[in-house]
Amino acid sequence: MRPGVVLALVSACSLALLGAAPRPGPEPLPAGMADTGGGSQLIVAQAPDTKATTGTVTWWDLRDGAWVRAGSAPARFGAGGLVDGDTRVQGTDTTPTGLYDLPFAFGIEPAPAGTAVEYRAVRESSWWCQDNDSRSYNRWVDPLPADCRAAESEHLVDFREQYAHALVIGFNYDRPVRGRGAGIFLHVNGQGATAGCVSVPEDDMRRILRWAEPGKKPHIAVGTAGGGTAVTRY
């Protein structure tokens, strides 16, 4: 949606570049950001730096003009670290930084009770097309279309642990650029770092799904604690 340097940075110079003024004293993280997506719910995925594969996810509600933290969880990022979403290259195992919407959720397991966002059940015929030559590039497909090669796509049901529950991150989604990357999700932890997604423990993923409300236009901001694609402090 809005990849790149969209999060408020630590230094005053960086804040000025983003159109946000330095703020005195401690404040909730989203309050120091130049853009939070325009809604009243925000997920922030923050790594210490661009080489990190672990960090923290927090989720926030805007109440009476103030951001209130609703929850937090340890997070994992791509095995290749993090990179500006504008310059990401497919197949690099990097997590794209930026601000993105959350088009829908899906899962092999049923939606947690209370889930309000659109939730698609993963079936044997469900795939995520990552074939650069396909008209369905970076899209959920069910079944796999003829122009989308299985070898270039994810058979979702094969990832029973990770895709027990997931939220689609709208990276490269609205107007997909071939070669930039496909299939970036917020999902349940696997055995280690991800292939470019953000992951959290299963209980926390379920908490996030129960928390998210479509009418509040939740977004996710992905960044680092310092450097070129940084979010301010926790």
Protein backbone atom coordinates (compact mmCIF):
# COMPACT_ATOMS: atom_id res chain seq x y z
CA MET A 1 0.00 0.00 0.00
CA ARG A 2 2.57 2.59 1.15
CA PRO A 3 5.94 0.84 1.26
CA GLY A 4 9.21 2.52 2.00
CA VAL A 5 10.07 5.05 4.66
CA VAL A 6 6.59 5.73 6.00
CA LEU A 7 7.28 5.46 9.71
CA ALA A 8 8.49 8.26 11.93
CA LEU A 9 12.22 8.05 12.56
CA VAL A 10 14.19 8.58 15.72
CA SER A 11 16.14 11.66 14.64
CA ALA A 12 14.60 15.11 14.26
CA CYS A 13 15.94 15.32 10.70
CA SER A 14 14.20 12.11 9.70
CA LEU A 15 11.00 13.20 11.38
CA ALA A 16 11.05 16.41 9.37
CA LEU A 17 11.47 14.47 6.14
CA LEU A 18 8.33 12.50 6.97
CA GLY A 19 6.32 15.60 7.77
CA ALA A 20 6.23 14.92 11.50
CA ALA A 21 7.64 17.24 14.16
CA PRO A 22 9.84 15.98 17.02
CA ARG A 23 7.75 15.37 20.13
CA PRO A 24 9.00 15.91 23.68
CA GLY A 25 8.72 13.16 26.27
CA PRO A 26 7.50 9.56 26.03
CA GLU A 27 4.38 8.82 24.01
CA PRO A 28 2.62 5.80 22.54
CA LEU A 29 4.49 4.62 19.45
CA PRO A 30 1.84 5.39 16.79
CA ALA A 31 1.46 8.98 18.00
CA GLY A 32 4.94 9.79 16.65
CA MET A 33 4.27 8.36 13.19
CA ALA A 34 3.57 10.53 10.16
CA ASP A 35 1.03 8.06 8.74
CA THR A 36 -0.96 5.35 10.50
CA GLY A 37 -3.32 4.51 7.64
CA GLY A 38 -6.23 6.71 8.61
CA GLY A 39 -8.01 4.12 10.73
CA SER A 40 -8.32 3.62 14.46
CA GLN A 41 -6.45 0.30 14.69
CA LEU A 42 -2.78 -0.27 13.93
CA ILE A 43 -0.36 -3.19 14.17
CA VAL A 44 3.31 -2.22 14.50
CA ALA A 45 5.98 -4.81 13.66
CA GLN A 46 9.38 -3.55 14.77
CA ALA A 47 12.84 -5.10 14.46
CA PRO A 48 15.99 -3.70 16.08
CA ASP A 49 17.65 -3.13 12.69
CA THR A 50 17.44 -4.26 9.07
CA LYS A 51 19.58 -7.36 9.67
CA ALA A 52 17.43 -8.65 12.52
CA THR A 53 15.17 -11.68 12.23
CA THR A 54 13.32 -11.12 15.52
CA GLY A 55 11.54 -8.22 17.14
CA THR A 56 8.14 -7.27 18.51
CA VAL A 57 4.59 -6.86 17.25
CA THR A 58 2.25 -4.51 19.12
CA TRP A 59 -1.33 -3.66 18.27
CA TRP A 60 -3.05 -0.41 19.11
CA ASP A 61 -6.48 1.23 19.31
CA LEU A 62 -7.14 4.94 18.82
CA ARG A 63 -9.48 5.99 21.62
CA ASP A 64 -10.59 9.58 22.17
CA GLY A 65 -7.63 10.84 20.14
CA ALA A 66 -5.00 8.79 21.97
CA TRP A 67 -3.34 5.51 20.97
CA VAL A 68 -3.76 2.74 23.54
CA ARG A 69 -1.80 -0.50 23.32
CA ALA A 70 -4.12 -3.50 23.06
CA GLY A 71 -1.48 -6.24 23.06
CA SER A 72 2.06 -7.28 22.18
CA ALA A 73 3.95 -10.38 21.12
CA PRO A 74 7.46 -11.50 20.15
CA ALA A 75 7.83 -11.50 16.37
CA ARG A 76 9.94 -13.12 13.69
CA PHE A 77 10.93 -11.58 10.38
CA GLY A 78 12.55 -12.74 7.15
CA ALA A 79 15.73 -14.80 7.21
CA GLY A 80 17.25 -12.08 5.02
CA GLY A 81 16.28 -9.27 7.40
CA LEU A 82 14.18 -6.27 6.44
CA VAL A 83 14.30 -4.08 3.33
CA ASP A 84 12.43 -1.08 1.92
CA GLY A 85 9.26 -2.37 0.30
CA ASP A 86 9.88 -0.14 -2.74
CA THR A 87 13.12 -1.92 -3.59
CA ARG A 88 12.43 -5.46 -2.40
CA VAL A 89 13.26 -8.32 -4.77
CA GLN A 90 11.27 -11.56 -4.79
CA GLY A 91 13.06 -14.63 -3.45
CA THR A 92 15.37 -12.73 -1.08
CA ASP A 93 13.63 -13.86 2.14
CA THR A 94 13.39 -10.22 3.25
CA THR A 95 10.47 -8.61 5.06
CA PRO A 96 9.27 -5.43 3.32
CA THR A 97 9.09 -2.33 5.48
CA GLY A 98 6.24 0.11 5.04
CA LEU A 99 2.62 0.75 5.90
CA TYR A 100 0.08 -1.70 4.48
CA ASP A 101 -3.57 -2.54 4.72
CA LEU A 102 -4.83 -6.00 5.68
CA PRO A 103 -7.12 -7.24 2.88
CA PHE A 104 -8.39 -10.43 4.55
CA ALA A 105 -7.50 -13.33 6.81
CA PHE A 106 -7.29 -17.05 6.11
CA GLY A 107 -6.46 -20.26 7.87
CA ILE A 108 -6.33 -24.02 7.90
CA GLU A 109 -7.97 -23.90 11.32
CA PRO A 110 -11.40 -22.30 11.81
CA ALA A 111 -11.51 -18.61 12.60
CA PRO A 112 -11.21 -17.87 16.32
CA ALA A 113 -14.55 -17.09 17.94
CA GLY A 114 -15.25 -13.39 17.60
CA THR A 115 -13.27 -12.87 14.39
CA ALA A 116 -14.90 -10.03 12.41
CA VAL A 117 -12.50 -9.67 9.47
CA GLU A 118 -13.11 -11.66 6.29
CA TYR A 119 -11.70 -15.15 6.94
CA ARG A 120 -11.17 -17.66 4.14
CA ALA A 121 -10.93 -21.35 4.90
CA VAL A 122 -7.87 -23.02 3.38
CA ARG A 123 -8.80 -26.10 1.36
CA GLU A 124 -6.75 -28.64 -0.56
CA SER A 125 -7.39 -26.53 -3.67
CA SER A 126 -6.24 -23.21 -2.13
CA TRP A 127 -3.03 -21.58 -3.39
CA TRP A 128 -1.22 -18.26 -3.30
CA CYS A 129 0.01 -17.52 -6.82
CA GLN A 130 3.60 -16.24 -6.92
CA ASP A 131 4.21 -16.88 -10.61
CA ASN A 132 5.43 -13.63 -12.19
CA ASP A 133 3.99 -14.66 -15.54
CA SER A 134 0.48 -15.27 -14.24
CA ARG A 135 -2.48 -12.88 -14.37
CA SER A 136 -3.13 -14.01 -10.79
CA TYR A 137 0.28 -12.93 -9.46
CA ASN A 138 0.18 -12.21 -5.73
CA ARG A 139 -3.37 -13.41 -5.32
CA TRP A 140 -5.28 -16.13 -3.45
CA VAL A 141 -6.49 -18.63 -6.04
CA ASP A 142 -8.81 -21.57 -5.59
CA PRO A 143 -8.22 -23.66 -7.62
CA LEU A 144 -4.81 -22.99 -9.17
CA PRO A 145 -5.37 -21.38 -12.62
CA ALA A 146 -3.77 -22.83 -15.72
CA ASP A 147 -1.37 -19.89 -16.15
CA CYS A 148 -0.01 -20.13 -12.58
CA ARG A 149 2.71 -22.72 -12.14
CA ALA A 150 2.50 -24.77 -8.95
CA ALA A 151 6.29 -24.72 -8.65
CA GLU A 152 6.12 -20.92 -8.46
CA SER A 153 3.31 -20.78 -5.90
CA GLU A 154 2.43 -21.74 -2.33
CA HIS A 155 0.07 -24.63 -1.70
CA LEU A 156 -1.37 -23.14 1.48
CA VAL A 157 -2.52 -26.37 3.08
CA ASP A 158 1.09 -27.63 3.09
CA PHE A 159 1.99 -25.08 5.79
CA ARG A 160 -0.24 -26.43 8.53
CA GLU A 161 1.67 -24.78 11.37
CA GLN A 162 2.28 -21.35 9.86
CA TYR A 163 -1.07 -20.98 8.13
CA ALA A 164 -3.24 -22.24 10.95
CA HIS A 165 -4.20 -18.56 11.00
CA ALA A 166 -2.92 -15.65 8.91
CA LEU A 167 -3.65 -12.08 7.86
CA VAL A 168 -2.71 -10.97 4.35
CA ILE A 169 -0.35 -7.98 4.41
CA GLY A 170 -1.19 -5.74 1.47
CA PHE A 171 2.40 -5.49 0.20
CA ASN A 172 2.56 -5.29 -3.63
CA TYR A 173 -1.13 -6.12 -3.65
CA ASP A 174 -3.19 -3.31 -5.18
CA ARG A 175 -1.06 -2.91 -8.33
CA PRO A 176 1.39 -5.82 -8.22
CA VAL A 177 4.87 -5.20 -9.61
CA ARG A 178 6.30 -8.41 -11.05
CA GLY A 179 9.48 -9.50 -9.32
CA ARG A 180 8.90 -7.44 -6.18
CA GLY A 181 7.36 -10.22 -4.15
CA ALA A 182 4.17 -12.08 -3.35
CA GLY A 183 2.58 -13.82 -0.40
CA ILE A 184 3.56 -11.60 2.54
CA PHE A 185 1.47 -12.43 5.59
CA LEU A 186 1.23 -12.02 9.34
CA HIS A 187 1.01 -15.64 10.42
CA VAL A 188 1.77 -18.20 13.12
CA ASN A 189 5.40 -19.00 13.92
CA GLY A 190 7.08 -21.88 12.17
CA GLN A 191 10.44 -23.33 13.20
CA GLY A 192 12.48 -20.16 12.71
CA ALA A 193 12.80 -16.99 10.65
CA THR A 194 10.31 -16.51 7.84
CA ALA A 195 10.66 -16.25 4.06
CA GLY A 196 9.69 -12.58 4.27
CA CYS A 197 6.52 -12.62 6.36
CA VAL A 198 6.00 -11.50 9.95
CA SER A 199 5.10 -14.25 12.40
CA VAL A 200 3.96 -14.49 16.01
CA PRO A 201 3.00 -17.31 18.41
CA GLU A 202 -0.33 -18.96 17.63
CA ASP A 203 -2.13 -17.68 20.72
CA ASP A 204 -1.12 -14.12 19.81
CA MET A 205 -2.24 -14.57 16.21
CA ARG A 206 -5.62 -15.64 17.47
CA ARG A 207 -5.75 -12.60 19.77
CA ILE A 208 -5.00 -10.30 16.84
CA LEU A 209 -7.77 -11.84 14.74
CA ARG A 210 -10.29 -11.40 17.53
CA TRP A 211 -9.14 -7.80 18.02
CA ALA A 212 -9.19 -6.59 14.40
CA GLU A 213 -12.37 -4.80 13.32
CA PRO A 214 -12.87 -4.02 9.60
CA GLY A 215 -14.82 -0.84 10.38
CA LYS A 216 -11.75 0.56 12.15
CA LYS A 217 -9.55 0.09 9.04
CA PRO A 218 -6.64 -1.75 10.67
CA HIS A 219 -3.22 -1.41 9.01
CA ILE A 220 0.23 -2.82 9.72
CA ALA A 221 3.41 -0.75 9.89
CA VAL A 222 6.69 -2.67 9.51
CA GLY A 223 9.98 -1.01 10.36
CA THR A 224 13.11 -0.89 12.50
CA ALA A 225 14.13 0.86 15.68
CA GLY A 226 16.81 2.88 13.91
CA GLY A 227 18.16 3.60 10.45
CA GLY A 228 16.42 4.24 7.15
CA THR A 229 13.09 2.57 7.79
CA ALA A 230 12.59 3.16 11.46
CA VAL A 231 9.76 3.45 13.90
CA THR A 232 10.11 5.40 17.12
CA ARG A 233 10.57 3.81 20.51
CA TYR A 234 8.22 1.40 22.26
